Protein backbone atom coordinates (compact mmCIF):
# COMPACT_ATOMS: atom_id res chain seq x y z
CA UNK A 1 106.00 -32.56 12.68
CA UNK A 2 102.45 -32.96 11.40
CA UNK A 3 101.33 -33.21 7.82
CA UNK A 4 98.81 -30.72 6.52
CA UNK A 5 96.99 -31.79 3.35
CA UNK A 6 97.98 -29.95 0.21
CA UNK A 7 95.89 -28.79 -2.71
CA UNK A 8 95.08 -32.36 -3.76
CA UNK A 9 92.81 -32.69 -0.68
CA UNK A 10 90.85 -29.51 -1.35
CA UNK A 11 87.22 -30.09 -2.28
CA UNK A 12 86.93 -33.63 -0.88
CA UNK A 13 84.39 -32.51 1.68
CA UNK A 14 81.65 -32.90 -0.94
CA UNK A 15 80.57 -29.27 -1.16
CA UNK A 16 77.09 -28.15 -2.00
CA UNK A 17 76.53 -29.21 -5.61
CA UNK A 18 73.46 -28.88 -7.81
CA UNK A 19 72.66 -32.56 -7.28
CA UNK A 20 72.85 -32.13 -3.52
CA UNK A 21 70.63 -29.03 -3.72
CA UNK A 22 68.05 -30.98 -5.73
CA UNK A 23 68.23 -33.79 -3.20
CA UNK A 24 67.50 -31.36 -0.37
CA UNK A 25 64.68 -29.79 -2.39
CA UNK A 26 63.05 -33.19 -2.98
CA UNK A 27 63.54 -34.21 0.66
CA UNK A 28 62.03 -31.01 2.06
CA UNK A 29 59.22 -31.10 -0.47
CA UNK A 30 58.44 -34.70 0.46
CA UNK A 31 58.32 -33.67 4.11
CA UNK A 32 56.14 -30.58 3.51
CA UNK A 33 53.38 -31.48 1.02
CA UNK A 34 51.74 -34.44 2.75
CA UNK A 35 51.60 -32.48 5.99
CA UNK A 36 49.97 -29.60 4.18
CA UNK A 37 47.43 -32.07 2.79
CA UNK A 38 46.66 -33.41 6.26
CA UNK A 39 46.17 -29.87 7.58
CA UNK A 40 43.96 -28.93 4.63
CA UNK A 41 41.76 -32.00 5.08
CA UNK A 42 41.52 -31.36 8.81
CA UNK A 43 40.44 -27.74 8.26
CA UNK A 44 38.27 -28.00 5.13
CA UNK A 45 36.89 -31.55 5.20
CA UNK A 46 35.77 -34.29 7.53
CA UNK A 47 37.62 -37.03 5.63
CA UNK A 48 40.21 -37.60 8.35
CA UNK A 49 37.49 -37.83 10.98
CA UNK A 50 35.61 -40.40 8.94
CA UNK A 51 38.69 -42.43 7.97
CA UNK A 52 40.15 -42.69 11.46
CA UNK A 53 38.23 -43.59 14.62
CA UNK A 54 40.22 -41.28 16.86
CA UNK A 55 42.30 -38.15 16.42
CA UNK A 56 45.44 -39.82 17.74
CA UNK A 57 46.25 -41.77 14.56
CA UNK A 58 46.21 -38.75 12.20
CA UNK A 59 48.18 -36.67 14.71
CA UNK A 60 50.87 -39.34 15.04
CA UNK A 61 50.73 -39.87 11.28
CA UNK A 62 51.28 -36.15 10.74
CA UNK A 63 54.64 -36.40 12.50
CA UNK A 64 55.77 -39.95 11.69
CA UNK A 65 54.19 -41.29 8.46
CA UNK A 66 52.55 -38.41 6.59
CA UNK A 67 52.39 -40.06 3.14
CA UNK A 68 50.81 -43.18 4.60
CA UNK A 69 48.29 -41.16 6.61
CA UNK A 70 47.24 -39.09 3.60
CA UNK A 71 47.03 -42.08 1.28
CA UNK A 72 45.04 -44.22 3.73
CA UNK A 73 42.49 -41.43 4.18
CA UNK A 74 42.34 -40.88 0.42
CA UNK A 75 41.84 -44.59 -0.31
CA UNK A 76 39.30 -44.86 2.51
CA UNK A 77 37.13 -42.13 1.04
CA UNK A 78 37.80 -43.08 -2.58
CA UNK A 79 35.21 -45.78 -3.05
CA UNK A 80 33.44 -47.46 -0.19
CA UNK A 81 34.47 -46.00 3.16
CA UNK A 82 37.04 -48.73 3.68
CA UNK A 83 40.43 -49.74 2.34
CA UNK A 84 40.38 -53.05 0.50
CA UNK A 85 42.02 -54.94 -2.32
CA UNK A 86 44.35 -52.98 -4.57
CA UNK A 87 43.96 -49.89 -2.39
CA UNK A 88 46.25 -51.58 0.16
CA UNK A 89 48.97 -51.70 -2.51
CA UNK A 90 48.69 -47.93 -2.86
CA UNK A 91 48.91 -47.52 0.93
CA UNK A 92 51.95 -49.84 1.00
CA UNK A 93 53.59 -47.71 -1.70
CA UNK A 94 52.96 -44.61 0.43
CA UNK A 95 54.57 -46.38 3.41
CA UNK A 96 57.57 -47.15 1.21
CA UNK A 97 57.67 -43.48 0.20
CA UNK A 98 57.76 -42.48 3.88
CA UNK A 99 60.66 -44.86 4.53
CA UNK A 100 62.52 -43.62 1.44
CA UNK A 101 61.99 -40.01 2.51
CA UNK A 102 63.66 -40.65 5.85
CA UNK A 103 66.44 -42.69 4.24
CA UNK A 104 67.04 -39.92 1.70
CA UNK A 105 67.26 -37.36 4.49
CA UNK A 106 69.83 -39.46 6.29
CA UNK A 107 71.86 -39.86 3.11
CA UNK A 108 71.83 -36.11 2.50
CA UNK A 109 73.21 -35.37 5.95
CA UNK A 110 76.40 -37.31 5.22
C-alpha cells in the first residue's frame, strides 16, 4: 500500500506568491531594458560603432552581457572616447549586475 500525502503537504510546492511575481518582474525587466538600450543606440546613434571596433562584440553582448555592453559604451562616450579609471568600476558593477541577473533567473526557476 502506498502513502498519499494528506492536507499537511498541500501548498509545499511554493505556489506563485507576490514575492515570486516581483522577482519575475525584476528578472524580466533586467533582461529587457538593456537590450532595448542597445537597439536604440544602434538605430538612433553611432555610439556603439565608435565604442567597439567591430559589430561582433555588441552583438554578442546583446545576447550574453547586455548590462556590461551598454555600460561600456556609455562610459566610453561619457568623457574621452575611452574607458579609464573609475569608469572601469562602473563597468565591473554592470558585469556583476549581469551575473546577478542570470543567478536570479536560475533561483526563480526552482
